[in-house]
Amino acid sequence: MTQSNSKKGGCGCLTMLVLGVIGIGASYYYGRNFIGQELTPSRSAKIIPASAYATSFISTNPQQWEKLGQFGTNSAQEIISQNFQEFVNENLTQATQKIDLEKDILPWLGGISMALLPASSGEFESNIAVIMGVKNKFKANDFLEKYKNDLQEKPIENKYNGITIYQVNLENNQTIWTTFFNNYLVVSDREYVIEKIIDTHKGKTSLATNYPQNLVRDNAVISVYFPEYDRILLKALENSLPENELDKQVEKQLKKINTLFMNMSIENHGLKLTTLVKLSEPLEETINFKSVSQNLLNKIPQDTILMMSGNGINQLWQQVETERKNISELDKAINETEIMVNQWLNLDLGNDIFSWLDGEFAVAIVGNPEQPLLENNVHGLLLLESTNKNQGEKTLSKLENVAQFLPFIAINRTEKQGINITEWSNYQNTVASYGWLNNNNLLFTFGKTFEPSENLDKTNSILNNETFKITTESLPKNNYGYLYFDYQKAVSFAVNLEPDFYDDFTPEMRALSESIKGFALTSSSINNTTTQVDLNISLVRKNN
């Protein structure tokens, strides 16, 4: 008996243990759906019709957004919170209600997606559906019940395809329709939009069929997807052009833009926006760009305000020459430019200007706002790399011959540190100066005399500038060049020149302006049909 009872007790304990493990496992796998579920870009795509022009996703996960708290001024963050609450008050709140964003909405809100859907008329118009993820059904239900009870006019309920749609009449004769199913809360100002969402949920073709989930970055707080960008772009261009005329060759190339996907994430420098453009096939006459090196950046000074670098200017010209045969307007504009350059400068646009620009280039505006606003404090700089120095020298010689006949220009030649420098001046100030650093690199300065000790000092390079380093640090290294703007330095110049610079700014605009350090933009290729464009916005770190 004792032995038998012992066995029964052992089996009972084992059974409870197994049931306990199953219960824990079931809670882990199914509990989230019972309580609610976070919305993701791919989950929202499951109920968005395949005909959607565009869709976006905004994460409401506080862990993803809290990194933004380390940036900006205190006033900037206060203004952002205040504006968000005002948006809620203006769009969701009536006179008899008061909705608190943190208490009433954020506890149950698990992500927001917006879909741009075609209008029922079939014209190039659109309607918006807002899809909210419900991560806590109980708190969402409490909020919705409270909201319905506080409405002056009770919602009108209708059934569509087995799902209830609520018609909510707001103040100012505004009406919205909303529905709730499977942890989705959907809102629109058009009833048929809600019906299309329900139809998609019930089995009609959704955007999820071709949704590029692999393009969504893990740390993205905002994602935007244009599934057929060519359709939107072409229609917009046709509507903006007179008589809806669009060049056939241009239309052919634009139709190759298949999809466009954008991510925004919060990183160590501030904000990062990445855009991926997917083509259906490679563009015709594709330029074979090479990634730029840091050779020219070593010669750009630290005090740079604005800088652009790249390569293959001659290849761009070759593509323009090809395209002009198919685009009459382009051909006419180039013809006029060629005539003007020949008459005024005695130069051939193709042979004398573009043919020898086969390497990298960098152009910059340089200045130090901490120094007094004396002459030459702000100047321009242009660096050119070429494998055809002979042609470059011929072009410069032709320009010098033209300049000799200008009464207000004097040309002087000097040598500094083994570099032959030509200077153009107007007898008072330097207009431009230039010299070959070696057989492949030509340096121009504008508004300041070329000084090798300054321009060739690698310790004074933009690569050692802290704002440049942090703004470009996370950009792809194999890129086609940079567009860099030291916003903080430019604003300092503006304030020095005009102390009342901020007088016309609203508090919001000034707070935003004082939070930005700089911008850096670059592009790169993943393959011959996918191009990536990255924009980094570096932000001022918040003072504790």
Protein backbone atom coordinates (compact mmCIF):
# COMPACT_ATOMS: atom_id res chain seq x y z
CA MET A 1 0.00 0.00 0.00
CA THR A 2 2.72 2.34 1.00
CA GLN A 3 4.63 1.54 -2.13
CA SER A 4 1.52 1.97 -4.25
CA ASN A 5 0.62 5.33 -2.71
CA SER A 6 4.18 6.45 -3.18
CA LYS A 7 3.99 5.71 -6.89
CA LYS A 8 0.68 7.51 -7.23
CA GLY A 9 2.06 10.53 -5.40
CA GLY A 10 5.11 10.54 -7.65
CA CYS A 11 2.97 10.38 -10.82
CA GLY A 12 0.72 13.16 -9.53
CA CYS A 13 3.69 15.44 -8.86
CA LEU A 14 5.16 14.67 -12.25
CA THR A 15 1.82 15.37 -13.97
CA MET A 16 1.48 18.75 -12.20
CA LEU A 17 5.09 19.58 -13.09
CA VAL A 18 4.45 18.80 -16.78
CA LEU A 19 1.21 20.79 -16.74
CA GLY A 20 3.06 23.63 -15.04
CA VAL A 21 5.77 23.67 -17.72
CA ILE A 22 3.10 23.53 -20.46
CA GLY A 23 1.25 26.37 -18.75
CA ILE A 24 4.41 28.49 -18.55
CA GLY A 25 5.19 27.73 -22.18
CA ALA A 26 1.66 28.57 -23.26
CA SER A 27 1.82 31.84 -21.34
CA TYR A 28 5.10 32.67 -23.04
CA TYR A 29 3.90 31.90 -26.55
CA TYR A 30 0.26 32.93 -26.32
CA GLY A 31 0.11 35.35 -23.42
CA ARG A 32 1.27 38.27 -25.49
CA ASN A 33 -1.59 37.79 -27.92
CA PHE A 34 -4.10 37.37 -25.07
CA ILE A 35 -3.03 40.62 -23.40
CA GLY A 36 -2.04 42.35 -26.63
CA GLN A 37 0.79 42.51 -29.11
CA GLU A 38 3.31 45.10 -30.29
CA LEU A 39 2.80 46.33 -33.83
CA THR A 40 5.67 45.87 -36.30
CA PRO A 41 6.02 47.01 -39.92
CA SER A 42 5.42 43.46 -41.18
CA ARG A 43 2.37 42.94 -38.91
CA SER A 44 0.72 46.15 -40.09
CA ALA A 45 1.46 45.18 -43.73
CA LYS A 46 -0.77 42.11 -43.26
CA ILE A 47 -3.92 44.26 -43.14
CA ILE A 48 -2.86 47.01 -45.57
CA PRO A 49 -4.22 46.51 -49.12
CA ALA A 50 -1.65 45.78 -51.82
CA SER A 51 -2.89 48.87 -53.69
CA ALA A 52 -1.46 51.22 -51.02
CA TYR A 53 0.70 54.06 -52.33
CA ALA A 54 2.83 54.14 -49.19
CA THR A 55 3.00 52.98 -45.61
CA SER A 56 4.93 54.19 -42.58
CA PHE A 57 5.65 52.83 -39.13
CA ILE A 58 6.50 54.69 -35.93
CA SER A 59 7.76 52.78 -32.92
CA THR A 60 6.31 53.76 -29.55
CA ASN A 61 8.78 51.61 -27.62
CA PRO A 62 10.25 53.94 -24.97
CA GLN A 63 13.51 51.98 -24.91
CA GLN A 64 14.13 52.88 -28.55
CA TRP A 65 13.31 56.56 -28.05
CA GLU A 66 14.99 57.14 -24.69
CA LYS A 67 18.37 57.57 -26.41
CA LEU A 68 17.06 60.80 -27.90
CA GLY A 69 16.84 62.19 -24.37
CA GLN A 70 20.60 62.67 -24.23
CA PHE A 71 20.46 65.22 -27.07
CA GLY A 72 19.13 68.72 -27.47
CA THR A 73 18.44 71.54 -25.08
CA ASN A 74 15.95 71.28 -22.22
CA SER A 75 13.66 73.76 -23.97
CA ALA A 76 13.68 71.65 -27.16
CA GLN A 77 12.49 68.54 -25.30
CA GLU A 78 9.83 70.50 -23.41
CA ILE A 79 8.51 71.93 -26.70
CA ILE A 80 8.36 68.46 -28.34
CA SER A 81 6.31 67.04 -25.44
CA GLN A 82 4.06 70.09 -25.40
CA ASN A 83 3.41 69.94 -29.17
CA PHE A 84 2.59 66.22 -29.04
CA GLN A 85 0.04 66.81 -26.31
CA GLU A 86 -1.45 69.72 -28.28
CA PHE A 87 -1.79 67.42 -31.32
CA VAL A 88 -3.76 64.94 -29.20
CA ASN A 89 -5.94 67.70 -27.77
CA GLU A 90 -6.72 69.19 -31.17
CA ASN A 91 -7.46 65.91 -32.96
CA LEU A 92 -8.94 63.57 -30.36
CA THR A 93 -10.21 65.70 -27.51
CA GLN A 94 -13.55 67.48 -27.30
CA ALA A 95 -14.58 70.21 -24.92
CA THR A 96 -16.02 67.66 -22.47
CA GLN A 97 -12.89 65.49 -22.50
CA LYS A 98 -9.28 65.63 -21.49
CA ILE A 99 -6.88 62.98 -22.81
CA ASP A 100 -3.51 62.62 -21.12
CA LEU A 101 -1.00 61.11 -23.53
CA GLU A 102 1.13 59.35 -20.91
CA LYS A 103 -1.71 58.08 -18.73
CA ASP A 104 -4.43 57.31 -21.28
CA ILE A 105 -2.66 56.25 -24.49
CA LEU A 106 0.95 55.17 -24.05
CA PRO A 107 0.19 52.31 -21.57
CA TRP A 108 -1.64 50.36 -24.31
CA LEU A 109 -0.20 51.79 -27.54
CA GLY A 110 2.27 49.40 -29.19
CA GLY A 111 3.34 51.14 -32.39
CA ILE A 112 1.65 53.23 -35.07
CA SER A 113 1.41 52.60 -38.79
CA MET A 114 -0.11 54.86 -41.45
CA ALA A 115 -1.19 53.72 -44.89
CA LEU A 116 -1.82 55.94 -47.91
CA LEU A 117 -4.60 54.30 -49.94
CA PRO A 118 -6.07 55.20 -53.35
CA ALA A 119 -9.29 57.18 -53.32
CA SER A 120 -12.50 55.36 -54.24
CA SER A 121 -12.89 57.67 -57.26
CA GLY A 122 -9.83 56.12 -58.87
CA GLU A 123 -8.22 59.54 -59.34
CA PHE A 124 -4.76 60.35 -58.06
CA GLU A 125 -6.00 61.19 -54.60
CA SER A 126 -5.45 59.34 -51.38
CA ASN A 127 -6.90 58.60 -47.99
CA ILE A 128 -5.10 57.72 -44.80
CA ALA A 129 -5.65 54.80 -42.47
CA VAL A 130 -4.00 54.93 -39.05
CA ILE A 131 -3.27 51.52 -37.57
CA MET A 132 -2.34 51.28 -33.90
CA GLY A 133 -0.93 48.24 -32.20
CA VAL A 134 -2.59 47.28 -28.93
CA LYS A 135 -0.06 45.83 -26.52
CA ASN A 136 -2.51 45.77 -23.59
CA LYS A 137 -6.15 45.06 -24.46
CA PHE A 138 -7.41 45.73 -20.95
CA LYS A 139 -5.96 49.23 -20.72
CA ALA A 140 -7.00 49.95 -24.31
CA ASN A 141 -10.55 48.84 -23.53
CA ASP A 142 -10.62 51.05 -20.41
CA PHE A 143 -9.53 54.03 -22.48
CA LEU A 144 -12.00 53.36 -25.30
CA GLU A 145 -14.92 52.90 -22.89
CA LYS A 146 -14.01 56.12 -21.10
CA TYR A 147 -13.67 57.90 -24.44
CA LYS A 148 -17.05 56.64 -25.71
CA ASN A 149 -18.81 57.56 -22.46
CA ASP A 150 -17.41 61.09 -22.56
CA LEU A 151 -18.60 61.72 -26.12
CA GLN A 152 -21.54 64.05 -26.43
CA GLU A 153 -22.97 61.81 -29.15
CA LYS A 154 -22.71 58.06 -28.77
CA PRO A 155 -20.87 56.21 -31.59
CA ILE A 156 -22.97 54.54 -34.27
CA GLU A 157 -22.18 50.83 -34.61
CA ASN A 158 -22.33 48.90 -37.88
CA LYS A 159 -21.26 45.38 -38.79
CA TYR A 160 -19.08 44.78 -41.84
CA ASN A 161 -17.83 41.33 -42.75
CA GLY A 162 -18.40 40.22 -39.16
CA ILE A 163 -16.43 43.09 -37.59
CA THR A 164 -17.92 46.13 -35.84
CA ILE A 165 -17.19 49.58 -37.24
CA TYR A 166 -17.81 52.62 -35.03
CA GLN A 167 -18.81 55.96 -36.53
CA VAL A 168 -17.73 58.76 -34.19
CA ASN A 169 -19.14 62.24 -34.79
CA LEU A 170 -16.77 64.86 -33.42
CA GLU A 171 -17.14 68.58 -33.00
CA ASN A 172 -16.93 70.94 -36.01
CA ASN A 173 -18.93 68.44 -38.13
CA GLN A 174 -15.97 66.04 -38.30
CA THR A 175 -16.50 62.28 -38.45
CA ILE A 176 -14.10 59.39 -38.02
CA TRP A 177 -14.59 55.65 -38.35
CA THR A 178 -12.75 53.13 -36.22
CA THR A 179 -12.61 49.39 -35.64
CA PHE A 180 -10.78 47.00 -33.34
CA PHE A 181 -9.71 43.41 -34.07
CA ASN A 182 -6.73 41.10 -33.51
CA ASN A 183 -4.75 43.69 -31.50
CA TYR A 184 -5.23 46.30 -34.24
CA LEU A 185 -7.04 49.60 -33.65
CA VAL A 186 -7.76 51.22 -37.04
CA VAL A 187 -8.92 54.81 -37.56
CA SER A 188 -9.80 56.75 -40.73
CA ASP A 189 -11.93 59.66 -41.84
CA ARG A 190 -13.41 57.47 -44.61
CA GLU A 191 -15.64 54.47 -43.89
CA TYR A 192 -14.68 52.65 -47.09
CA VAL A 193 -11.01 52.77 -46.00
CA ILE A 194 -11.90 50.85 -42.84
CA GLU A 195 -13.85 48.38 -45.00
CA LYS A 196 -10.84 47.84 -47.27
CA ILE A 197 -8.65 47.16 -44.22
CA ILE A 198 -11.18 44.59 -42.98
CA ASP A 199 -11.39 42.98 -46.42
CA THR A 200 -7.62 42.63 -46.46
CA HIS A 201 -7.66 41.13 -42.97
CA LYS A 202 -10.24 38.63 -44.20
CA GLY A 203 -8.10 37.41 -47.08
CA LYS A 204 -7.71 39.94 -49.89
CA THR A 205 -4.18 40.59 -51.17
CA SER A 206 -2.14 42.57 -48.67
CA LEU A 207 1.06 44.58 -48.79
CA ALA A 208 2.73 41.81 -46.78
CA THR A 209 3.06 39.72 -49.95
CA ASN A 210 6.05 41.76 -51.11
CA TYR A 211 6.96 43.69 -47.95
CA PRO A 212 10.79 44.01 -47.75
CA GLN A 213 11.16 43.11 -44.08
CA ASN A 214 14.90 42.64 -44.60
CA LEU A 215 15.21 46.40 -45.23
CA VAL A 216 13.81 47.33 -41.81
CA ARG A 217 16.71 48.18 -39.50
CA ASP A 218 16.53 46.65 -36.03
CA ASN A 219 17.05 50.03 -34.36
CA ALA A 220 14.70 51.99 -36.66
CA VAL A 221 12.16 54.14 -34.84
CA ILE A 222 10.49 55.24 -38.09
CA SER A 223 10.17 53.35 -41.38
CA VAL A 224 8.55 54.51 -44.63
CA TYR A 225 7.86 52.24 -47.63
CA PHE A 226 6.77 53.17 -51.16
CA PRO A 227 5.97 49.83 -52.86
CA GLU A 228 5.54 51.30 -56.35
CA TYR A 229 7.38 54.60 -56.17
CA ASP A 230 7.48 54.94 -59.96
CA ARG A 231 3.67 55.03 -60.07
CA ILE A 232 3.49 57.85 -57.50
CA LEU A 233 6.39 59.84 -58.94
CA LEU A 234 5.21 59.67 -62.54
CA LYS A 235 1.65 60.62 -61.63
CA ALA A 236 2.87 63.57 -59.55
CA LEU A 237 5.12 64.77 -62.38
CA GLU A 238 2.37 64.45 -64.96
CA ASN A 239 -0.01 66.46 -62.78
CA SER A 240 2.58 69.22 -62.26
CA LEU A 241 3.65 69.54 -65.90
CA PRO A 242 1.72 71.65 -68.42
CA GLU A 243 -0.62 69.52 -70.52
CA ASN A 244 0.69 66.47 -68.64
CA GLU A 245 3.63 66.17 -71.04
CA LEU A 246 6.58 64.11 -69.80
CA ASP A 247 9.57 63.28 -71.95
CA LYS A 248 9.38 59.62 -73.05
CA GLN A 249 13.04 58.96 -72.31
CA VAL A 250 12.73 60.43 -68.80
CA GLU A 251 9.57 58.42 -68.23
CA LYS A 252 11.33 55.24 -69.34
CA GLN A 253 14.13 55.76 -66.80
CA LEU A 254 11.78 56.76 -63.95
CA LYS A 255 9.70 53.62 -64.48
CA LYS A 256 12.73 51.61 -63.41
CA ILE A 257 12.47 52.97 -59.86
CA ASN A 258 10.64 50.06 -58.30
CA THR A 259 10.51 50.67 -54.57
CA LEU A 260 11.81 53.15 -52.04
CA PHE A 261 12.37 52.38 -48.37
CA MET A 262 13.43 54.77 -45.59
CA ASN A 263 14.56 54.17 -42.01
CA MET A 264 15.23 56.64 -39.21
CA SER A 265 17.22 55.54 -36.19
CA ILE A 266 18.78 57.17 -33.13
CA GLU A 267 22.53 56.64 -32.86
CA ASN A 268 25.50 57.97 -30.92
CA HIS A 269 25.74 61.13 -33.03
CA GLY A 270 22.00 61.87 -33.16
CA LEU A 271 19.65 60.95 -36.02
CA LYS A 272 20.36 58.72 -39.01
CA LEU A 273 18.11 58.57 -42.07
CA THR A 274 18.78 55.79 -44.57
CA THR A 275 17.01 55.61 -47.92
CA LEU A 276 17.20 52.54 -50.15
CA VAL A 277 16.16 52.88 -53.80
CA LYS A 278 15.47 49.60 -55.59
CA LEU A 279 15.40 49.52 -59.40
CA SER A 280 13.59 46.93 -61.49
CA GLU A 281 16.67 46.85 -63.76
CA PRO A 282 19.94 48.81 -64.04
CA LEU A 283 19.71 52.28 -65.54
CA GLU A 284 20.96 52.71 -69.08
CA GLU A 285 24.39 54.32 -69.43
CA THR A 286 25.05 53.76 -65.73
CA ILE A 287 28.04 55.76 -64.52
CA ASN A 288 30.76 53.52 -63.15
CA PHE A 289 31.52 55.60 -60.07
CA LYS A 290 34.33 54.58 -57.75
CA SER A 291 34.35 55.02 -54.00
CA VAL A 292 36.18 58.18 -52.97
CA SER A 293 39.36 58.05 -50.92
CA GLN A 294 40.47 60.39 -48.14
CA ASN A 295 43.35 61.83 -50.18
CA LEU A 296 41.61 65.13 -50.89
CA LEU A 297 39.90 65.35 -47.50
CA ASN A 298 43.38 65.46 -45.92
CA LYS A 299 43.83 68.82 -47.66
CA ILE A 300 40.49 70.33 -46.55
CA PRO A 301 40.97 72.58 -43.46
CA GLN A 302 39.35 71.94 -40.08
CA ASP A 303 37.46 75.24 -40.20
CA THR A 304 35.28 74.06 -43.07
CA ILE A 305 31.65 75.20 -42.95
CA LEU A 306 30.39 73.47 -46.10
CA MET A 307 32.07 70.75 -48.13
CA MET A 308 31.17 68.49 -51.05
CA SER A 309 33.36 65.73 -52.45
CA GLY A 310 32.99 63.12 -55.16
CA ASN A 311 34.51 61.86 -58.40
CA GLY A 312 33.85 61.21 -62.07
CA ILE A 313 32.87 64.69 -63.30
CA ASN A 314 33.91 63.68 -66.81
CA GLN A 315 31.66 60.60 -66.63
CA LEU A 316 28.72 62.80 -65.68
CA TRP A 317 29.42 64.93 -68.74
CA GLN A 318 29.58 61.84 -70.94
CA GLN A 319 26.17 60.73 -69.69
CA VAL A 320 24.74 64.21 -70.29
CA GLU A 321 26.13 64.07 -73.84
CA THR A 322 24.31 60.77 -74.36
CA GLU A 323 21.02 61.94 -72.84
CA ARG A 324 20.94 65.19 -74.85
CA LYS A 325 20.34 63.15 -78.01
CA ASN A 326 17.03 61.96 -76.57
CA ILE A 327 15.90 65.08 -74.68
CA SER A 328 15.45 68.13 -76.89
CA GLU A 329 15.17 70.61 -73.98
CA LEU A 330 18.46 69.37 -72.54
CA ASP A 331 20.18 69.57 -75.92
CA LYS A 332 19.01 73.17 -76.37
CA ALA A 333 20.28 74.21 -72.92
CA ILE A 334 23.69 72.59 -73.52
CA ASN A 335 24.01 74.21 -76.95
CA GLU A 336 23.39 77.64 -75.44
CA THR A 337 25.93 76.96 -72.69
CA GLU A 338 28.56 75.77 -75.17
CA ILE A 339 28.14 78.95 -77.26
CA MET A 340 28.36 81.19 -74.19
CA VAL A 341 31.50 79.45 -72.81
CA ASN A 342 33.17 79.65 -76.24
CA GLN A 343 32.34 83.32 -76.77
CA TRP A 344 33.22 84.55 -73.27
CA LEU A 345 36.11 82.26 -72.28
CA ASN A 346 37.34 80.87 -75.62
CA LEU A 347 36.89 77.36 -74.21
CA ASP A 348 35.31 74.19 -75.53
CA LEU A 349 32.91 72.97 -72.84
CA GLY A 350 33.62 69.30 -73.40
CA ASN A 351 37.34 69.20 -74.28
CA ASP A 352 38.68 72.13 -72.24
CA ILE A 353 36.57 71.84 -69.10
CA PHE A 354 35.18 68.35 -68.56
CA SER A 355 37.49 65.99 -70.42
CA TRP A 356 40.41 66.14 -67.95
CA LEU A 357 38.32 66.04 -64.73
CA ASP A 358 38.59 62.27 -64.43
CA GLY A 359 39.52 61.96 -60.75
CA GLU A 360 38.13 62.99 -57.39
CA PHE A 361 37.11 66.52 -56.44
CA ALA A 362 36.33 68.46 -53.27
CA VAL A 363 34.90 71.95 -52.91
CA ALA A 364 34.60 73.79 -49.60
CA ILE A 365 33.73 77.05 -47.88
CA VAL A 366 36.15 77.69 -45.02
CA GLY A 367 35.97 80.11 -42.10
CA ASN A 368 36.35 80.41 -38.33
CA PRO A 369 33.49 82.23 -36.53
CA GLU A 370 35.68 82.68 -33.43
CA GLN A 371 38.01 84.98 -35.33
CA PRO A 372 37.11 88.62 -36.06
CA LEU A 373 35.22 89.14 -39.30
CA LEU A 374 38.25 90.35 -41.22
CA GLU A 375 38.81 89.98 -44.94
CA ASN A 376 39.92 86.51 -46.03
CA ASN A 377 38.40 84.94 -42.91
CA VAL A 378 35.80 83.22 -45.13
CA HIS A 379 37.07 81.81 -48.40
CA GLY A 380 36.47 79.07 -50.94
CA LEU A 381 38.57 76.08 -51.87
CA LEU A 382 38.49 73.64 -54.81
CA LEU A 383 40.62 70.52 -55.16
CA LEU A 384 40.75 68.60 -58.43
CA GLU A 385 42.38 65.28 -59.20
CA SER A 386 43.31 64.53 -62.83
CA THR A 387 45.44 62.14 -64.84
CA ASN A 388 45.69 64.72 -67.64
CA LYS A 389 47.74 67.60 -66.26
CA ASN A 390 48.70 68.78 -69.74
CA GLN A 391 45.10 69.46 -70.72
CA GLY A 392 44.48 71.15 -67.38
CA GLU A 393 47.41 73.51 -67.92
CA LYS A 394 46.18 74.35 -71.43
CA THR A 395 42.76 75.25 -70.07
CA LEU A 396 44.26 77.47 -67.34
CA SER A 397 46.49 79.15 -69.93
CA LYS A 398 43.44 80.00 -72.07
CA LEU A 399 41.69 81.50 -69.03
CA GLU A 400 44.76 83.58 -68.19
CA ASN A 401 44.87 84.91 -71.76
CA VAL A 402 41.26 86.07 -71.43
CA ALA A 403 41.95 87.63 -68.00
CA GLN A 404 44.82 89.74 -69.37
CA PHE A 405 42.28 91.86 -71.24
CA LEU A 406 40.25 92.57 -68.08
CA PRO A 407 41.29 95.98 -66.67
CA PHE A 408 40.32 95.10 -63.10
CA ILE A 409 42.31 91.82 -62.89
CA ALA A 410 46.05 91.50 -62.27
CA ILE A 411 47.87 88.15 -62.57
CA ASN A 412 50.97 87.43 -60.46
CA ARG A 413 53.07 84.28 -60.23
CA THR A 414 55.06 83.17 -57.20
CA GLU A 415 56.65 80.01 -55.82
CA LYS A 416 56.05 78.72 -52.31
CA GLN A 417 57.52 75.51 -50.93
CA GLY A 418 58.29 74.30 -54.44
CA ILE A 419 54.75 74.95 -55.73
CA ASN A 420 54.19 77.39 -58.59
CA ILE A 421 51.21 79.57 -57.61
CA THR A 422 49.22 81.85 -59.90
CA GLU A 423 47.24 84.61 -58.22
CA TRP A 424 44.43 86.72 -59.67
CA SER A 425 43.73 89.93 -57.79
CA ASN A 426 41.79 93.14 -58.24
CA TYR A 427 44.71 95.20 -56.85
CA GLN A 428 43.15 95.18 -53.40
CA ASN A 429 42.03 91.63 -52.68
CA THR A 430 42.81 88.18 -53.96
CA VAL A 431 40.11 86.92 -56.32
CA ALA A 432 41.57 83.44 -56.87
CA SER A 433 44.85 81.56 -56.74
CA TYR A 434 45.87 78.08 -57.85
CA GLY A 435 48.76 75.69 -58.20
CA TRP A 436 49.56 72.06 -58.97
CA LEU A 437 50.50 70.21 -55.79
CA ASN A 438 51.87 67.35 -57.89
CA ASN A 439 51.20 65.82 -61.29
CA ASN A 440 47.66 64.83 -60.33
CA ASN A 441 46.29 67.40 -57.87
CA LEU A 442 45.31 71.01 -58.58
CA LEU A 443 44.28 73.35 -55.77
CA PHE A 444 42.23 76.55 -56.18
CA THR A 445 41.50 79.09 -53.46
CA PHE A 446 38.92 81.86 -53.82
CA GLY A 447 39.03 85.06 -51.79
CA LYS A 448 42.34 84.13 -50.20
CA THR A 449 45.90 83.51 -51.38
CA PHE A 450 47.02 79.88 -51.56
CA GLU A 451 49.27 79.16 -48.55
CA PRO A 452 50.86 75.67 -48.67
CA SER A 453 51.62 75.76 -44.94
CA GLU A 454 47.88 76.04 -44.23
CA ASN A 455 46.34 73.97 -47.01
CA LEU A 456 48.77 71.05 -46.86
CA ASP A 457 48.96 70.64 -43.08
CA LYS A 458 47.38 67.23 -42.34
CA THR A 459 47.04 68.08 -38.63
CA ASN A 460 44.72 70.90 -39.73
CA SER A 461 42.58 68.55 -41.85
CA ILE A 462 38.80 68.27 -41.64
CA LEU A 463 39.40 64.61 -40.77
CA ASN A 464 40.52 65.87 -37.34
CA ASN A 465 37.45 68.07 -36.86
CA GLU A 466 35.32 66.65 -34.02
CA THR A 467 31.98 67.62 -35.57
CA PHE A 468 32.95 66.09 -38.91
CA LYS A 469 34.20 62.91 -37.25
CA ILE A 470 31.09 62.25 -35.17
CA THR A 471 28.71 63.27 -37.99
CA THR A 472 30.31 60.95 -40.56
CA GLU A 473 31.44 58.12 -38.27
CA SER A 474 28.51 55.76 -38.96
CA LEU A 475 28.27 56.51 -42.71
CA PRO A 476 29.39 53.80 -45.17
CA LYS A 477 33.12 54.12 -45.82
CA ASN A 478 32.81 52.92 -49.42
CA ASN A 479 30.81 55.88 -50.64
CA TYR A 480 30.70 58.25 -53.62
CA GLY A 481 31.57 61.35 -51.62
CA TYR A 482 30.25 63.58 -48.86
CA LEU A 483 28.01 66.60 -48.59
CA TYR A 484 28.89 68.06 -45.18
CA PHE A 485 27.48 71.13 -43.45
CA ASP A 486 28.68 72.42 -40.07
CA TYR A 487 25.37 73.97 -39.09
CA GLN A 488 26.53 75.21 -35.69
CA LYS A 489 29.46 77.06 -37.22
CA ALA A 490 27.28 78.60 -39.94
CA VAL A 491 24.79 79.86 -37.34
CA SER A 492 27.64 81.35 -35.29
CA PHE A 493 28.72 83.32 -38.37
CA ALA A 494 25.14 84.46 -38.92
CA VAL A 495 24.80 85.64 -35.31
CA ASN A 496 28.14 87.49 -35.49
CA LEU A 497 27.03 89.25 -38.66
CA GLU A 498 23.49 89.90 -37.45
CA PRO A 499 23.01 89.87 -33.64
CA ASP A 500 19.22 89.88 -34.16
CA PHE A 501 19.43 86.66 -36.22
CA TYR A 502 17.03 84.76 -33.94
CA ASP A 503 14.47 87.55 -33.57
CA ASP A 504 12.15 86.15 -36.28
CA PHE A 505 12.42 82.57 -35.00
CA THR A 506 9.56 81.00 -33.07
CA PRO A 507 10.59 79.34 -29.76
CA GLU A 508 10.21 75.96 -31.48
CA MET A 509 12.44 76.93 -34.40
CA ARG A 510 15.14 78.38 -32.14
CA ALA A 511 15.13 75.33 -29.83
CA LEU A 512 15.52 73.06 -32.86
CA SER A 513 18.27 75.23 -34.35
CA GLU A 514 20.26 75.26 -31.11
CA SER A 515 20.05 71.44 -30.91
CA ILE A 516 21.74 70.73 -34.28
CA LYS A 517 25.50 70.45 -34.77
CA GLY A 518 25.88 69.32 -38.37
CA PHE A 519 24.66 67.35 -41.39
CA ALA A 520 26.46 64.75 -43.51
CA LEU A 521 25.02 63.09 -46.62
CA THR A 522 26.51 60.33 -48.74
CA SER A 523 25.46 57.68 -51.24
CA SER A 524 26.69 54.17 -52.01
CA SER A 525 25.64 51.11 -54.01
CA ILE A 526 24.66 47.75 -52.60
CA ASN A 527 24.44 46.27 -56.11
CA ASN A 528 23.67 47.47 -59.65
CA THR A 529 19.95 47.83 -58.86
CA THR A 530 20.05 49.10 -55.25
CA THR A 531 21.36 52.49 -54.14
CA GLN A 532 21.66 53.61 -50.53
CA VAL A 533 21.57 57.25 -49.41
CA ASP A 534 22.46 58.09 -45.80
CA LEU A 535 21.89 61.36 -43.96
CA ASN A 536 23.37 61.86 -40.50
CA ILE A 537 22.21 64.74 -38.32
CA SER A 538 24.52 65.24 -35.36
CA LEU A 539 22.88 66.79 -32.31
CA VAL A 540 24.17 68.77 -29.36
CA ARG A 541 24.41 66.61 -26.26
CA LYS A 542 22.15 67.69 -23.45
CA ASN A 543 23.77 69.37 -20.44
CA ASN A 544 22.95 67.52 -17.25
